[in-house]
Amino acid sequence: MTIAAAFLALLEERPRHGYDLKGAYDRHFGRDRPLHHGQVYATLSRLLKNGLVEVAAVEPGAGPDRKRYAITGPGVTGVRRWMSEPEDPAGYLHSAVHAKVVGALLTGRSAAAVLDAQRAAHLRAMRELTRRRTTGDLADRLLCDHALLHLEADLRWLDLTVTRLDELAAAVRG
């Protein structure tokens, strides 16, 4: 998901000021990585330039005038297209952990140690997500469930890779 796509979805709900847009983004999409104010206005600037949003109103404020942004017809089309296109699952074929395991085998380091360290990191993350899931609202629980299921799959892959290390080492050296 891009910040721009999320902004368009938020603006389709209703027009917003940049500050309100940042708050809504952080609440719905950026709980673990809130946006910097500079990202908000840089993204809005690109959306304006591309005709996906417009300034619906300029209102005086305590400081500079506040602009209220609204989505345009092409922006609505962009949101519709973004939501209708599935995410590319091919990204799973590029694993940093796999690269580290192969790199360890190529350099004579312990691939088992790489896998053990990764398993420990995954288990720590799973404990934290499980704790967080018990205190979060529904959106946060769903995000935690999504992450936990991915971490479970990763752990299964780690276990499978441990059982195939000798075979992988022979293939890498071959």
Protein backbone atom coordinates (compact mmCIF):
# COMPACT_ATOMS: atom_id res chain seq x y z
CA MET A 1 0.00 0.00 0.00
CA THR A 2 1.26 3.44 -0.82
CA ILE A 3 0.67 6.51 1.29
CA ALA A 4 -1.00 8.14 -1.72
CA ALA A 5 -3.49 5.28 -2.13
CA ALA A 6 -4.35 5.42 1.57
CA PHE A 7 -4.82 9.20 1.37
CA LEU A 8 -7.19 8.81 -1.57
CA ALA A 9 -9.25 6.25 0.35
CA LEU A 10 -9.40 8.58 3.37
CA LEU A 11 -10.36 11.53 1.19
CA GLU A 12 -13.05 9.51 -0.53
CA GLU A 13 -14.63 9.12 2.89
CA ARG A 14 -14.67 12.91 3.31
CA PRO A 15 -12.54 16.01 2.59
CA ARG A 16 -9.84 16.69 5.17
CA HIS A 17 -7.10 19.11 6.18
CA GLY A 18 -3.53 17.81 5.97
CA TYR A 19 -3.30 17.57 9.77
CA ASP A 20 -6.57 15.58 9.94
CA LEU A 21 -5.38 13.36 7.09
CA LYS A 22 -2.19 12.56 9.00
CA GLY A 23 -4.18 11.65 12.11
CA ALA A 24 -6.57 9.41 10.19
CA TYR A 25 -3.68 7.73 8.36
CA ASP A 26 -1.78 7.09 11.60
CA ARG A 27 -4.92 5.72 13.25
CA HIS A 28 -5.97 3.40 10.40
CA PHE A 29 -2.76 2.52 8.55
CA GLY A 30 0.32 3.72 10.39
CA ARG A 31 -0.05 2.52 13.94
CA ASP A 32 3.50 1.22 14.01
CA ARG A 33 4.94 3.78 11.59
CA PRO A 34 3.24 7.15 11.89
CA LEU A 35 3.81 9.62 9.08
CA HIS A 36 6.05 12.63 9.36
CA HIS A 37 4.28 15.90 8.57
CA GLY A 38 6.61 16.41 5.61
CA GLN A 39 5.40 13.14 4.06
CA VAL A 40 1.81 14.33 4.30
CA TYR A 41 2.36 17.55 2.40
CA ALA A 42 4.76 16.03 -0.13
CA THR A 43 2.18 13.34 -0.91
CA LEU A 44 -0.65 15.87 -1.12
CA SER A 45 1.47 17.96 -3.47
CA ARG A 46 1.97 14.99 -5.82
CA LEU A 47 -1.73 14.12 -5.67
CA LEU A 48 -2.63 17.73 -6.51
CA LYS A 49 -0.13 17.81 -9.38
CA ASN A 50 -1.57 14.56 -10.78
CA GLY A 51 -5.15 15.81 -10.50
CA LEU A 52 -6.22 13.16 -8.01
CA VAL A 53 -7.13 15.67 -5.29
CA GLU A 54 -8.08 19.31 -5.24
CA VAL A 55 -8.17 22.09 -2.68
CA ALA A 56 -11.84 22.25 -1.72
CA ALA A 57 -11.51 25.17 0.69
CA VAL A 58 -8.96 27.48 2.24
CA GLU A 59 -9.77 28.43 5.81
CA PRO A 60 -7.97 30.87 8.09
CA GLY A 61 -6.23 29.33 11.07
CA ALA A 62 -4.06 30.45 13.98
CA GLY A 63 -1.03 30.15 11.68
CA PRO A 64 -1.04 29.79 7.92
CA ASP A 65 -4.33 29.26 6.09
CA ARG A 66 -5.56 25.68 6.27
CA LYS A 67 -6.38 23.87 3.04
CA ARG A 68 -9.12 21.28 2.96
CA TYR A 69 -8.42 18.61 0.34
CA ALA A 70 -11.04 16.60 -1.56
CA ILE A 71 -10.71 13.68 -3.94
CA THR A 72 -11.43 14.20 -7.63
CA GLY A 73 -13.11 11.84 -10.13
CA PRO A 74 -9.74 10.49 -11.32
CA GLY A 75 -8.78 10.01 -7.66
CA VAL A 76 -11.89 7.88 -7.06
CA THR A 77 -10.97 5.85 -10.14
CA GLY A 78 -7.48 5.38 -8.68
CA VAL A 79 -8.88 4.13 -5.36
CA ARG A 80 -11.21 1.73 -7.16
CA ARG A 81 -8.31 0.39 -9.27
CA TRP A 82 -6.03 0.05 -6.21
CA MET A 83 -8.63 -1.93 -4.29
CA SER A 84 -9.55 -4.17 -7.23
CA GLU A 85 -5.97 -5.21 -8.05
CA PRO A 86 -4.61 -8.00 -5.85
CA GLU A 87 -1.20 -7.57 -4.27
CA ASP A 88 1.61 -9.45 -6.00
CA PRO A 89 2.40 -12.61 -4.03
CA ALA A 90 5.66 -13.03 -5.98
CA GLY A 91 7.32 -10.82 -3.38
CA TYR A 92 7.55 -13.90 -1.18
CA LEU A 93 10.13 -15.36 -3.55
CA HIS A 94 12.68 -12.77 -2.45
CA SER A 95 13.55 -13.61 1.14
CA ALA A 96 16.30 -11.86 3.06
CA VAL A 97 16.49 -14.85 5.41
CA HIS A 98 17.01 -17.23 2.48
CA ALA A 99 19.76 -14.94 1.18
CA LYS A 100 21.46 -14.97 4.61
CA VAL A 101 21.30 -18.78 4.78
CA VAL A 102 22.82 -19.14 1.32
CA GLY A 103 25.36 -16.43 2.13
CA ALA A 104 26.36 -18.26 5.30
CA LEU A 105 26.85 -21.48 3.35
CA LEU A 106 28.89 -19.68 0.69
CA THR A 107 31.18 -18.04 3.25
CA GLY A 108 31.63 -21.02 5.54
CA ARG A 109 29.57 -19.53 8.35
CA SER A 110 26.93 -21.43 10.28
CA ALA A 111 23.63 -21.39 8.41
CA ALA A 112 22.09 -23.15 11.42
CA ALA A 113 23.10 -20.18 13.59
CA VAL A 114 21.42 -17.80 11.12
CA LEU A 115 18.23 -19.90 11.29
CA ASP A 116 18.38 -20.13 15.10
CA ALA A 117 18.77 -16.37 15.47
CA GLN A 118 15.87 -15.79 13.09
CA ARG A 119 13.69 -18.29 14.97
CA ALA A 120 14.40 -16.43 18.24
CA ALA A 121 13.52 -13.08 16.62
CA HIS A 122 10.29 -14.52 15.23
CA LEU A 123 9.30 -15.97 18.60
CA ARG A 124 9.95 -12.62 20.32
CA ALA A 125 7.82 -10.85 17.73
CA MET A 126 5.06 -13.43 18.13
CA ARG A 127 5.01 -12.97 21.91
CA GLU A 128 4.73 -9.19 21.51
CA LEU A 129 1.99 -9.47 18.88
CA THR A 130 0.06 -11.94 21.03
CA ARG A 131 0.24 -9.52 23.96
CA ARG A 132 -0.76 -6.60 21.76
CA ARG A 133 -3.66 -8.54 20.28
CA THR A 134 -5.25 -8.87 23.71
CA THR A 135 -5.32 -5.10 24.30
CA GLY A 136 -5.97 -3.68 20.84
CA ASP A 137 -9.16 -2.70 19.10
CA LEU A 138 -10.56 -4.87 16.29
CA ALA A 139 -8.41 -3.28 13.57
CA ASP A 140 -5.27 -3.80 15.64
CA ARG A 141 -6.25 -7.41 16.43
CA LEU A 142 -6.73 -8.11 12.72
CA LEU A 143 -3.31 -6.64 11.93
CA CYS A 144 -1.76 -8.73 14.70
CA ASP A 145 -3.51 -11.87 13.41
CA HIS A 146 -2.18 -11.19 9.91
CA ALA A 147 1.38 -10.75 11.19
CA LEU A 148 1.15 -13.79 13.48
CA LEU A 149 -0.01 -16.05 10.65
CA HIS A 150 2.87 -14.88 8.48
CA LEU A 151 5.32 -15.45 11.32
CA GLU A 152 3.90 -18.97 11.81
CA ALA A 153 4.47 -19.72 8.14
CA ASP A 154 8.01 -18.35 8.42
CA LEU A 155 8.68 -20.62 11.41
CA ARG A 156 7.51 -23.64 9.42
CA TRP A 157 9.89 -22.59 6.63
CA LEU A 158 12.74 -22.20 9.13
CA ASP A 159 12.08 -25.72 10.44
CA LEU A 160 11.97 -27.16 6.92
CA THR A 161 15.18 -25.37 5.97
CA VAL A 162 17.00 -26.78 9.01
CA THR A 163 16.10 -30.29 7.84
CA ARG A 164 17.45 -29.51 4.35
CA LEU A 165 20.66 -27.67 5.26
CA ASP A 166 22.99 -30.48 4.21
CA GLU A 167 21.24 -30.77 0.87
CA LEU A 168 21.27 -26.97 0.39
CA ALA A 169 24.97 -26.80 1.31
CA ALA A 170 25.77 -29.42 -1.32
CA ALA A 171 23.74 -27.54 -3.94
CA VAL A 172 25.41 -24.22 -3.08
CA ARG A 173 28.91 -25.73 -3.27
CA GLY A 174 28.01 -27.72 -6.43
